[in-house]
mmCIF file of all heavy atoms, coordinates in Angstrom:
data_MODEL
# 
_entry.id   MODEL 
# 
loop_
_atom_site.group_PDB 
_atom_site.id 
_atom_site.type_symbol 
_atom_site.label_atom_id 
_atom_site.label_alt_id 
_atom_site.label_comp_id 
_atom_site.label_asym_id 
_atom_site.label_entity_id 
_atom_site.label_seq_id 
_atom_site.pdbx_PDB_ins_code 
_atom_site.Cartn_x 
_atom_site.Cartn_y 
_atom_site.Cartn_z 
_atom_site.occupancy 
_atom_site.B_iso_or_equiv 
_atom_site.pdbx_formal_charge 
_atom_site.auth_seq_id 
_atom_site.auth_comp_id 
_atom_site.auth_asym_id 
_atom_site.auth_atom_id 
_atom_site.pdbx_PDB_model_num 
ATOM 1   N N   . LEU A 1 1  ? 11.021  13.232 -2.728  1.00 0.00 ? 1  LEU A N   1 
ATOM 2   C CA  . LEU A 1 1  ? 9.717   13.669 -3.240  1.00 0.00 ? 1  LEU A CA  1 
ATOM 3   C C   . LEU A 1 1  ? 9.491   13.110 -4.674  1.00 0.00 ? 1  LEU A C   1 
ATOM 4   O O   . LEU A 1 1  ? 8.438   12.579 -5.029  1.00 0.00 ? 1  LEU A O   1 
ATOM 5   C CB  . LEU A 1 1  ? 9.552   15.137 -3.254  1.00 0.00 ? 1  LEU A CB  1 
ATOM 6   C CG  . LEU A 1 1  ? 8.270   15.753 -3.907  1.00 0.00 ? 1  LEU A CG  1 
ATOM 7   C CD1 . LEU A 1 1  ? 7.029   15.221 -3.197  1.00 0.00 ? 1  LEU A CD1 1 
ATOM 8   C CD2 . LEU A 1 1  ? 8.328   17.288 -3.794  1.00 0.00 ? 1  LEU A CD2 1 
ATOM 9   N N   . ILE A 1 2  ? 10.540  13.299 -5.495  1.00 0.00 ? 2  ILE A N   1 
ATOM 10  C CA  . ILE A 1 2  ? 10.462  12.802 -6.872  1.00 0.00 ? 2  ILE A CA  1 
ATOM 11  C C   . ILE A 1 2  ? 10.315  11.295 -6.875  1.00 0.00 ? 2  ILE A C   1 
ATOM 12  O O   . ILE A 1 2  ? 9.523   10.728 -7.671  1.00 0.00 ? 2  ILE A O   1 
ATOM 13  C CB  . ILE A 1 2  ? 11.700  13.244 -7.690  1.00 0.00 ? 2  ILE A CB  1 
ATOM 14  C CG1 . ILE A 1 2  ? 11.700  14.787 -7.858  1.00 0.00 ? 2  ILE A CG1 1 
ATOM 15  C CG2 . ILE A 1 2  ? 11.765  12.597 -9.025  1.00 0.00 ? 2  ILE A CG2 1 
ATOM 16  C CD1 . ILE A 1 2  ? 12.942  15.304 -8.523  1.00 0.00 ? 2  ILE A CD1 1 
ATOM 17  N N   . GLY A 1 3  ? 11.058  10.553 -6.058  1.00 0.00 ? 3  GLY A N   1 
ATOM 18  C CA  . GLY A 1 3  ? 10.964  9.146  -5.911  1.00 0.00 ? 3  GLY A CA  1 
ATOM 19  C C   . GLY A 1 3  ? 9.581   8.733  -5.502  1.00 0.00 ? 3  GLY A C   1 
ATOM 20  O O   . GLY A 1 3  ? 8.999   7.765  -6.109  1.00 0.00 ? 3  GLY A O   1 
ATOM 21  N N   . ALA A 1 4  ? 8.956   9.384  -4.586  1.00 0.00 ? 4  ALA A N   1 
ATOM 22  C CA  . ALA A 1 4  ? 7.600   9.096  -4.156  1.00 0.00 ? 4  ALA A CA  1 
ATOM 23  C C   . ALA A 1 4  ? 6.571   9.308  -5.221  1.00 0.00 ? 4  ALA A C   1 
ATOM 24  O O   . ALA A 1 4  ? 5.645   8.561  -5.466  1.00 0.00 ? 4  ALA A O   1 
ATOM 25  C CB  . ALA A 1 4  ? 7.214   9.918  -2.950  1.00 0.00 ? 4  ALA A CB  1 
ATOM 26  N N   . LEU A 1 5  ? 6.774   10.433 -6.021  1.00 0.00 ? 5  LEU A N   1 
ATOM 27  C CA  . LEU A 1 5  ? 5.840   10.734 -7.131  1.00 0.00 ? 5  LEU A CA  1 
ATOM 28  C C   . LEU A 1 5  ? 5.967   9.685  -8.239  1.00 0.00 ? 5  LEU A C   1 
ATOM 29  O O   . LEU A 1 5  ? 5.002   9.327  -8.884  1.00 0.00 ? 5  LEU A O   1 
ATOM 30  C CB  . LEU A 1 5  ? 6.213   12.084 -7.669  1.00 0.00 ? 5  LEU A CB  1 
ATOM 31  C CG  . LEU A 1 5  ? 5.864   13.314 -6.764  1.00 0.00 ? 5  LEU A CG  1 
ATOM 32  C CD1 . LEU A 1 5  ? 6.288   14.582 -7.368  1.00 0.00 ? 5  LEU A CD1 1 
ATOM 33  C CD2 . LEU A 1 5  ? 4.319   13.328 -6.556  1.00 0.00 ? 5  LEU A CD2 1 
ATOM 34  N N   . LEU A 1 6  ? 7.152   9.181  -8.480  1.00 0.00 ? 6  LEU A N   1 
ATOM 35  C CA  . LEU A 1 6  ? 7.334   8.112  -9.481  1.00 0.00 ? 6  LEU A CA  1 
ATOM 36  C C   . LEU A 1 6  ? 6.583   6.849  -9.109  1.00 0.00 ? 6  LEU A C   1 
ATOM 37  O O   . LEU A 1 6  ? 5.951   6.114  -9.904  1.00 0.00 ? 6  LEU A O   1 
ATOM 38  C CB  . LEU A 1 6  ? 8.828   7.856  -9.779  1.00 0.00 ? 6  LEU A CB  1 
ATOM 39  C CG  . LEU A 1 6  ? 9.551   8.918  -10.514 1.00 0.00 ? 6  LEU A CG  1 
ATOM 40  C CD1 . LEU A 1 6  ? 11.052  8.582  -10.626 1.00 0.00 ? 6  LEU A CD1 1 
ATOM 41  C CD2 . LEU A 1 6  ? 8.979   9.153  -11.922 1.00 0.00 ? 6  LEU A CD2 1 
ATOM 42  N N   . PHE A 1 7  ? 6.668   6.489  -7.797  1.00 0.00 ? 7  PHE A N   1 
ATOM 43  C CA  . PHE A 1 7  ? 5.934   5.315  -7.307  1.00 0.00 ? 7  PHE A CA  1 
ATOM 44  C C   . PHE A 1 7  ? 4.462   5.551  -7.442  1.00 0.00 ? 7  PHE A C   1 
ATOM 45  O O   . PHE A 1 7  ? 3.701   4.678  -7.810  1.00 0.00 ? 7  PHE A O   1 
ATOM 46  C CB  . PHE A 1 7  ? 6.338   5.013  -5.847  1.00 0.00 ? 7  PHE A CB  1 
ATOM 47  C CG  . PHE A 1 7  ? 7.431   4.077  -5.628  1.00 0.00 ? 7  PHE A CG  1 
ATOM 48  C CD1 . PHE A 1 7  ? 8.698   4.533  -5.217  1.00 0.00 ? 7  PHE A CD1 1 
ATOM 49  C CD2 . PHE A 1 7  ? 7.316   2.724  -5.944  1.00 0.00 ? 7  PHE A CD2 1 
ATOM 50  C CE1 . PHE A 1 7  ? 9.734   3.605  -5.088  1.00 0.00 ? 7  PHE A CE1 1 
ATOM 51  C CE2 . PHE A 1 7  ? 8.323   1.811  -5.738  1.00 0.00 ? 7  PHE A CE2 1 
ATOM 52  C CZ  . PHE A 1 7  ? 9.545   2.284  -5.359  1.00 0.00 ? 7  PHE A CZ  1 
ATOM 53  N N   . ALA A 1 8  ? 4.000   6.770  -7.062  1.00 0.00 ? 8  ALA A N   1 
ATOM 54  C CA  . ALA A 1 8  ? 2.592   7.130  -7.156  1.00 0.00 ? 8  ALA A CA  1 
ATOM 55  C C   . ALA A 1 8  ? 2.144   6.987  -8.620  1.00 0.00 ? 8  ALA A C   1 
ATOM 56  O O   . ALA A 1 8  ? 0.973   6.510  -8.892  1.00 0.00 ? 8  ALA A O   1 
ATOM 57  C CB  . ALA A 1 8  ? 2.304   8.513  -6.657  1.00 0.00 ? 8  ALA A CB  1 
ATOM 58  N N   . TRP A 1 9  ? 2.946   7.402  -9.546  1.00 0.00 ? 9  TRP A N   1 
ATOM 59  C CA  . TRP A 1 9  ? 2.600   7.300  -10.989 1.00 0.00 ? 9  TRP A CA  1 
ATOM 60  C C   . TRP A 1 9  ? 2.478   5.826  -11.406 1.00 0.00 ? 9  TRP A C   1 
ATOM 61  O O   . TRP A 1 9  ? 1.576   5.427  -12.122 1.00 0.00 ? 9  TRP A O   1 
ATOM 62  C CB  . TRP A 1 9  ? 3.639   8.062  -11.841 1.00 0.00 ? 9  TRP A CB  1 
ATOM 63  C CG  . TRP A 1 9  ? 3.310   7.953  -13.289 1.00 0.00 ? 9  TRP A CG  1 
ATOM 64  C CD1 . TRP A 1 9  ? 2.489   8.731  -13.965 1.00 0.00 ? 9  TRP A CD1 1 
ATOM 65  C CD2 . TRP A 1 9  ? 3.954   7.060  -14.217 1.00 0.00 ? 9  TRP A CD2 1 
ATOM 66  N NE1 . TRP A 1 9  ? 2.512   8.333  -15.364 1.00 0.00 ? 9  TRP A NE1 1 
ATOM 67  C CE2 . TRP A 1 9  ? 3.413   7.352  -15.528 1.00 0.00 ? 9  TRP A CE2 1 
ATOM 68  C CE3 . TRP A 1 9  ? 4.919   5.996  -14.107 1.00 0.00 ? 9  TRP A CE3 1 
ATOM 69  C CZ2 . TRP A 1 9  ? 3.787   6.612  -16.620 1.00 0.00 ? 9  TRP A CZ2 1 
ATOM 70  C CZ3 . TRP A 1 9  ? 5.308   5.362  -15.255 1.00 0.00 ? 9  TRP A CZ3 1 
ATOM 71  C CH2 . TRP A 1 9  ? 4.732   5.641  -16.521 1.00 0.00 ? 9  TRP A CH2 1 
ATOM 72  N N   . GLY A 1 10 ? 3.449   5.019  -10.902 1.00 0.00 ? 10 GLY A N   1 
ATOM 73  C CA  . GLY A 1 10 ? 3.411   3.578  -11.249 1.00 0.00 ? 10 GLY A CA  1 
ATOM 74  C C   . GLY A 1 10 ? 2.262   2.828  -10.636 1.00 0.00 ? 10 GLY A C   1 
ATOM 75  O O   . GLY A 1 10 ? 1.738   1.864  -11.217 1.00 0.00 ? 10 GLY A O   1 
ATOM 76  N N   . LEU A 1 11 ? 1.795   3.314  -9.489  1.00 0.00 ? 11 LEU A N   1 
ATOM 77  C CA  . LEU A 1 11 ? 0.710   2.613  -8.808  1.00 0.00 ? 11 LEU A CA  1 
ATOM 78  C C   . LEU A 1 11 ? -0.618  3.309  -9.046  1.00 0.00 ? 11 LEU A C   1 
ATOM 79  O O   . LEU A 1 11 ? -1.649  2.904  -8.364  1.00 0.00 ? 11 LEU A O   1 
ATOM 80  C CB  . LEU A 1 11 ? 1.045   2.513  -7.315  1.00 0.00 ? 11 LEU A CB  1 
ATOM 81  C CG  . LEU A 1 11 ? 2.278   1.750  -6.934  1.00 0.00 ? 11 LEU A CG  1 
ATOM 82  C CD1 . LEU A 1 11 ? 2.664   1.975  -5.486  1.00 0.00 ? 11 LEU A CD1 1 
ATOM 83  C CD2 . LEU A 1 11 ? 2.007   0.192  -7.086  1.00 0.00 ? 11 LEU A CD2 1 
ATOM 84  N N   . ARG A 1 12 ? -0.699  4.268  -9.896  1.00 0.00 ? 12 ARG A N   1 
ATOM 85  C CA  . ARG A 1 12 ? -1.902  5.003  -10.165 1.00 0.00 ? 12 ARG A CA  1 
ATOM 86  C C   . ARG A 1 12 ? -3.001  4.018  -10.708 1.00 0.00 ? 12 ARG A C   1 
ATOM 87  O O   . ARG A 1 12 ? -2.731  3.054  -11.346 1.00 0.00 ? 12 ARG A O   1 
ATOM 88  C CB  . ARG A 1 12 ? -1.724  6.104  -11.207 1.00 0.00 ? 12 ARG A CB  1 
ATOM 89  C CG  . ARG A 1 12 ? -1.457  5.683  -12.598 1.00 0.00 ? 12 ARG A CG  1 
ATOM 90  C CD  . ARG A 1 12 ? -0.974  6.815  -13.455 1.00 0.00 ? 12 ARG A CD  1 
ATOM 91  N NE  . ARG A 1 12 ? -0.884  6.407  -14.891 1.00 0.00 ? 12 ARG A NE  1 
ATOM 92  C CZ  . ARG A 1 12 ? 0.058   5.656  -15.346 1.00 0.00 ? 12 ARG A CZ  1 
ATOM 93  N NH1 . ARG A 1 12 ? 1.068   5.217  -14.591 1.00 0.00 ? 12 ARG A NH1 1 
ATOM 94  N NH2 . ARG A 1 12 ? 0.081   5.361  -16.711 1.00 0.00 ? 12 ARG A NH2 1 
ATOM 95  N N   . GLY A 1 13 ? -4.216  4.337  -10.298 1.00 0.00 ? 13 GLY A N   1 
ATOM 96  C CA  . GLY A 1 13 ? -5.373  3.535  -10.780 1.00 0.00 ? 13 GLY A CA  1 
ATOM 97  C C   . GLY A 1 13 ? -5.646  2.296  -10.014 1.00 0.00 ? 13 GLY A C   1 
ATOM 98  O O   . GLY A 1 13 ? -6.575  1.521  -10.322 1.00 0.00 ? 13 GLY A O   1 
ATOM 99  N N   . THR A 1 14 ? -4.861  2.013  -9.030  1.00 0.00 ? 14 THR A N   1 
ATOM 100 C CA  . THR A 1 14 ? -5.094  0.750  -8.249  1.00 0.00 ? 14 THR A CA  1 
ATOM 101 C C   . THR A 1 14 ? -6.051  1.012  -7.124  1.00 0.00 ? 14 THR A C   1 
ATOM 102 O O   . THR A 1 14 ? -6.391  2.177  -6.788  1.00 0.00 ? 14 THR A O   1 
ATOM 103 C CB  . THR A 1 14 ? -3.754  0.289  -7.628  1.00 0.00 ? 14 THR A CB  1 
ATOM 104 O OG1 . THR A 1 14 ? -3.158  1.284  -6.785  1.00 0.00 ? 14 THR A OG1 1 
ATOM 105 C CG2 . THR A 1 14 ? -2.788  -0.138 -8.694  1.00 0.00 ? 14 THR A CG2 1 
ATOM 106 N N   . ARG A 1 15 ? -6.577  -0.085 -6.626  1.00 0.00 ? 15 ARG A N   1 
ATOM 107 C CA  . ARG A 1 15 ? -7.615  -0.060 -5.543  1.00 0.00 ? 15 ARG A CA  1 
ATOM 108 C C   . ARG A 1 15 ? -7.043  -0.798 -4.343  1.00 0.00 ? 15 ARG A C   1 
ATOM 109 O O   . ARG A 1 15 ? -6.263  -1.704 -4.480  1.00 0.00 ? 15 ARG A O   1 
ATOM 110 C CB  . ARG A 1 15 ? -8.934  -0.633 -5.926  1.00 0.00 ? 15 ARG A CB  1 
ATOM 111 C CG  . ARG A 1 15 ? -9.586  0.042  -7.134  1.00 0.00 ? 15 ARG A CG  1 
ATOM 112 C CD  . ARG A 1 15 ? -11.016 -0.523 -7.337  1.00 0.00 ? 15 ARG A CD  1 
ATOM 113 N NE  . ARG A 1 15 ? -11.027 -1.942 -7.466  1.00 0.00 ? 15 ARG A NE  1 
ATOM 114 C CZ  . ARG A 1 15 ? -10.908 -2.616 -8.618  1.00 0.00 ? 15 ARG A CZ  1 
ATOM 115 N NH1 . ARG A 1 15 ? -10.729 -1.873 -9.732  1.00 0.00 ? 15 ARG A NH1 1 
ATOM 116 N NH2 . ARG A 1 15 ? -10.901 -3.921 -8.725  1.00 0.00 ? 15 ARG A NH2 1 
ATOM 117 N N   . GLY A 1 16 ? -7.506  -0.474 -3.138  1.00 0.00 ? 16 GLY A N   1 
ATOM 118 C CA  . GLY A 1 16 ? -7.213  -1.228 -1.930  1.00 0.00 ? 16 GLY A CA  1 
ATOM 119 C C   . GLY A 1 16 ? -6.324  -0.442 -0.995  1.00 0.00 ? 16 GLY A C   1 
ATOM 120 O O   . GLY A 1 16 ? -6.156  -0.888 0.163   1.00 0.00 ? 16 GLY A O   1 
ATOM 121 N N   . LEU A 1 17 ? -5.857  0.791  -1.301  1.00 0.00 ? 17 LEU A N   1 
ATOM 122 C CA  . LEU A 1 17 ? -5.098  1.545  -0.352  1.00 0.00 ? 17 LEU A CA  1 
ATOM 123 C C   . LEU A 1 17 ? -5.875  1.975  0.811   1.00 0.00 ? 17 LEU A C   1 
ATOM 124 O O   . LEU A 1 17 ? -5.361  2.017  2.017   1.00 0.00 ? 17 LEU A O   1 
ATOM 125 C CB  . LEU A 1 17 ? -4.515  2.802  -1.098  1.00 0.00 ? 17 LEU A CB  1 
ATOM 126 C CG  . LEU A 1 17 ? -3.388  3.568  -0.341  1.00 0.00 ? 17 LEU A CG  1 
ATOM 127 C CD1 . LEU A 1 17 ? -2.262  2.667  0.043   1.00 0.00 ? 17 LEU A CD1 1 
ATOM 128 C CD2 . LEU A 1 17 ? -2.927  4.737  -1.152  1.00 0.00 ? 17 LEU A CD2 1 
ATOM 129 N N   . ASP A 1 18 ? -7.143  2.233  0.628   1.00 0.00 ? 18 ASP A N   1 
ATOM 130 C CA  . ASP A 1 18 ? -8.010  2.626  1.774   1.00 0.00 ? 18 ASP A CA  1 
ATOM 131 C C   . ASP A 1 18 ? -8.163  1.482  2.784   1.00 0.00 ? 18 ASP A C   1 
ATOM 132 O O   . ASP A 1 18 ? -8.180  1.692  4.000   1.00 0.00 ? 18 ASP A O   1 
ATOM 133 C CB  . ASP A 1 18 ? -9.395  3.073  1.291   1.00 0.00 ? 18 ASP A CB  1 
ATOM 134 C CG  . ASP A 1 18 ? -10.055 2.027  0.361   1.00 0.00 ? 18 ASP A CG  1 
ATOM 135 O OD1 . ASP A 1 18 ? -9.333  1.147  -0.164  1.00 0.00 ? 18 ASP A OD1 1 
ATOM 136 O OD2 . ASP A 1 18 ? -11.278 2.082  0.204   1.00 0.00 ? 18 ASP A OD2 1 
ATOM 137 N N   . LYS A 1 19 ? -8.255  0.255  2.248   1.00 0.00 ? 19 LYS A N   1 
ATOM 138 C CA  . LYS A 1 19 ? -8.272  -0.940 3.173   1.00 0.00 ? 19 LYS A CA  1 
ATOM 139 C C   . LYS A 1 19 ? -6.970  -1.090 3.885   1.00 0.00 ? 19 LYS A C   1 
ATOM 140 O O   . LYS A 1 19 ? -6.910  -1.463 5.113   1.00 0.00 ? 19 LYS A O   1 
ATOM 141 C CB  . LYS A 1 19 ? -8.595  -2.188 2.398   1.00 0.00 ? 19 LYS A CB  1 
ATOM 142 C CG  . LYS A 1 19 ? -10.013 -2.191 1.794   1.00 0.00 ? 19 LYS A CG  1 
ATOM 143 C CD  . LYS A 1 19 ? -10.305 -3.506 1.061   1.00 0.00 ? 19 LYS A CD  1 
ATOM 144 C CE  . LYS A 1 19 ? -11.671 -3.465 0.509   1.00 0.00 ? 19 LYS A CE  1 
ATOM 145 N NZ  . LYS A 1 19 ? -12.015 -4.761 -0.214  1.00 0.00 ? 19 LYS A NZ  1 
ATOM 146 N N   . ASN A 1 20 ? -5.861  -0.778 3.265   1.00 0.00 ? 20 ASN A N   1 
ATOM 147 C CA  . ASN A 1 20 ? -4.553  -0.839 3.926   1.00 0.00 ? 20 ASN A CA  1 
ATOM 148 C C   . ASN A 1 20 ? -4.473  0.111  5.124   1.00 0.00 ? 20 ASN A C   1 
ATOM 149 O O   . ASN A 1 20 ? -3.906  -0.180 6.107   1.00 0.00 ? 20 ASN A O   1 
ATOM 150 C CB  . ASN A 1 20 ? -3.440  -0.577 2.957   1.00 0.00 ? 20 ASN A CB  1 
ATOM 151 C CG  . ASN A 1 20 ? -3.128  -1.677 1.973   1.00 0.00 ? 20 ASN A CG  1 
ATOM 152 O OD1 . ASN A 1 20 ? -3.705  -2.795 2.098   1.00 0.00 ? 20 ASN A OD1 1 
ATOM 153 N ND2 . ASN A 1 20 ? -2.273  -1.523 1.005   1.00 0.00 ? 20 ASN A ND2 1 
ATOM 154 N N   . ILE A 1 21 ? -5.043  1.321  4.872   1.00 0.00 ? 21 ILE A N   1 
ATOM 155 C CA  . ILE A 1 21 ? -5.039  2.340  5.925   1.00 0.00 ? 21 ILE A CA  1 
ATOM 156 C C   . ILE A 1 21 ? -5.897  1.920  7.089   1.00 0.00 ? 21 ILE A C   1 
ATOM 157 O O   . ILE A 1 21 ? -5.417  2.050  8.276   1.00 0.00 ? 21 ILE A O   1 
ATOM 158 C CB  . ILE A 1 21 ? -5.525  3.703  5.382   1.00 0.00 ? 21 ILE A CB  1 
ATOM 159 C CG1 . ILE A 1 21 ? -4.578  4.270  4.297   1.00 0.00 ? 21 ILE A CG1 1 
ATOM 160 C CG2 . ILE A 1 21 ? -5.778  4.716  6.511   1.00 0.00 ? 21 ILE A CG2 1 
ATOM 161 C CD1 . ILE A 1 21 ? -5.074  5.459  3.577   1.00 0.00 ? 21 ILE A CD1 1 
ATOM 162 N N   . GLU A 1 22 ? -7.064  1.325  6.823   1.00 0.00 ? 22 GLU A N   1 
ATOM 163 C CA  . GLU A 1 22 ? -7.928  0.836  7.887   1.00 0.00 ? 22 GLU A CA  1 
ATOM 164 C C   . GLU A 1 22 ? -7.251  -0.243 8.658   1.00 0.00 ? 22 GLU A C   1 
ATOM 165 O O   . GLU A 1 22 ? -7.340  -0.395 9.878   1.00 0.00 ? 22 GLU A O   1 
ATOM 166 C CB  . GLU A 1 22 ? -9.225  0.357  7.293   1.00 0.00 ? 22 GLU A CB  1 
ATOM 167 C CG  . GLU A 1 22 ? -10.126 1.424  6.752   1.00 0.00 ? 22 GLU A CG  1 
ATOM 168 C CD  . GLU A 1 22 ? -11.317 0.790  6.097   1.00 0.00 ? 22 GLU A CD  1 
ATOM 169 O OE1 . GLU A 1 22 ? -11.552 -0.395 6.166   1.00 0.00 ? 22 GLU A OE1 1 
ATOM 170 O OE2 . GLU A 1 22 ? -12.088 1.579  5.483   1.00 0.00 ? 22 GLU A OE2 1 
ATOM 171 N N   . ASN A 1 23 ? -6.404  -1.053 7.946   1.00 0.00 ? 23 ASN A N   1 
ATOM 172 C CA  . ASN A 1 23 ? -5.766  -2.233 8.508   1.00 0.00 ? 23 ASN A CA  1 
ATOM 173 C C   . ASN A 1 23 ? -4.744  -1.823 9.584   1.00 0.00 ? 23 ASN A C   1 
ATOM 174 O O   . ASN A 1 23 ? -4.487  -2.595 10.552  1.00 0.00 ? 23 ASN A O   1 
ATOM 175 C CB  . ASN A 1 23 ? -5.084  -3.052 7.424   1.00 0.00 ? 23 ASN A CB  1 
ATOM 176 C CG  . ASN A 1 23 ? -4.584  -4.374 7.872   1.00 0.00 ? 23 ASN A CG  1 
ATOM 177 O OD1 . ASN A 1 23 ? -3.398  -4.622 7.785   1.00 0.00 ? 23 ASN A OD1 1 
ATOM 178 N ND2 . ASN A 1 23 ? -5.426  -5.233 8.375   1.00 0.00 ? 23 ASN A ND2 1 
ATOM 179 N N   . ILE A 1 24 ? -4.146  -0.617 9.380   1.00 0.00 ? 24 ILE A N   1 
ATOM 180 C CA  . ILE A 1 24 ? -3.134  -0.129 10.347  1.00 0.00 ? 24 ILE A CA  1 
ATOM 181 C C   . ILE A 1 24 ? -3.730  0.010  11.797  1.00 0.00 ? 24 ILE A C   1 
ATOM 182 O O   . ILE A 1 24 ? -3.109  -0.339 12.774  1.00 0.00 ? 24 ILE A O   1 
ATOM 183 C CB  . ILE A 1 24 ? -2.653  1.258  9.935   1.00 0.00 ? 24 ILE A CB  1 
ATOM 184 C CG1 . ILE A 1 24 ? -1.866  1.114  8.589   1.00 0.00 ? 24 ILE A CG1 1 
ATOM 185 C CG2 . ILE A 1 24 ? -1.765  1.857  10.995  1.00 0.00 ? 24 ILE A CG2 1 
ATOM 186 C CD1 . ILE A 1 24 ? -1.403  2.451  8.041   1.00 0.00 ? 24 ILE A CD1 1 
ATOM 187 N N   . PHE A 1 25 ? -5.006  0.393  11.790  1.00 0.00 ? 25 PHE A N   1 
ATOM 188 C CA  . PHE A 1 25 ? -5.633  0.678  13.122  1.00 0.00 ? 25 PHE A CA  1 
ATOM 189 C C   . PHE A 1 25 ? -6.350  -0.479 13.766  1.00 0.00 ? 25 PHE A C   1 
ATOM 190 O O   . PHE A 1 25 ? -6.991  -0.322 14.794  1.00 0.00 ? 25 PHE A O   1 
ATOM 191 C CB  . PHE A 1 25 ? -6.569  1.870  12.919  1.00 0.00 ? 25 PHE A CB  1 
ATOM 192 C CG  . PHE A 1 25 ? -5.940  3.143  12.399  1.00 0.00 ? 25 PHE A CG  1 
ATOM 193 C CD1 . PHE A 1 25 ? -5.968  3.471  11.088  1.00 0.00 ? 25 PHE A CD1 1 
ATOM 194 C CD2 . PHE A 1 25 ? -5.246  3.935  13.303  1.00 0.00 ? 25 PHE A CD2 1 
ATOM 195 C CE1 . PHE A 1 25 ? -5.352  4.543  10.638  1.00 0.00 ? 25 PHE A CE1 1 
ATOM 196 C CE2 . PHE A 1 25 ? -4.600  5.073  12.867  1.00 0.00 ? 25 PHE A CE2 1 
ATOM 197 C CZ  . PHE A 1 25 ? -4.647  5.452  11.490  1.00 0.00 ? 25 PHE A CZ  1 
ATOM 198 N N   . GLU A 1 26 ? -6.318  -1.592 13.161  1.00 0.00 ? 26 GLU A N   1 
ATOM 199 C CA  . GLU A 1 26 ? -6.768  -2.834 13.763  1.00 0.00 ? 26 GLU A CA  1 
ATOM 200 C C   . GLU A 1 26 ? -5.950  -3.149 15.045  1.00 0.00 ? 26 GLU A C   1 
ATOM 201 O O   . GLU A 1 26 ? -4.758  -2.927 15.049  1.00 0.00 ? 26 GLU A O   1 
ATOM 202 C CB  . GLU A 1 26 ? -6.775  -4.018 12.809  1.00 0.00 ? 26 GLU A CB  1 
ATOM 203 C CG  . GLU A 1 26 ? -7.768  -3.899 11.649  1.00 0.00 ? 26 GLU A CG  1 
ATOM 204 C CD  . GLU A 1 26 ? -7.726  -5.089 10.715  1.00 0.00 ? 26 GLU A CD  1 
ATOM 205 O OE1 . GLU A 1 26 ? -6.951  -6.035 10.987  1.00 0.00 ? 26 GLU A OE1 1 
ATOM 206 O OE2 . GLU A 1 26 ? -8.453  -5.045 9.687   1.00 0.00 ? 26 GLU A OE2 1 
# 
């Protein structure tokens, strides 16, 4: 959990994750 939160902090403010999620279901 702490590792995931540190990644989330480092990647904060970025765009494109929503497109990545949509891409899974293609």
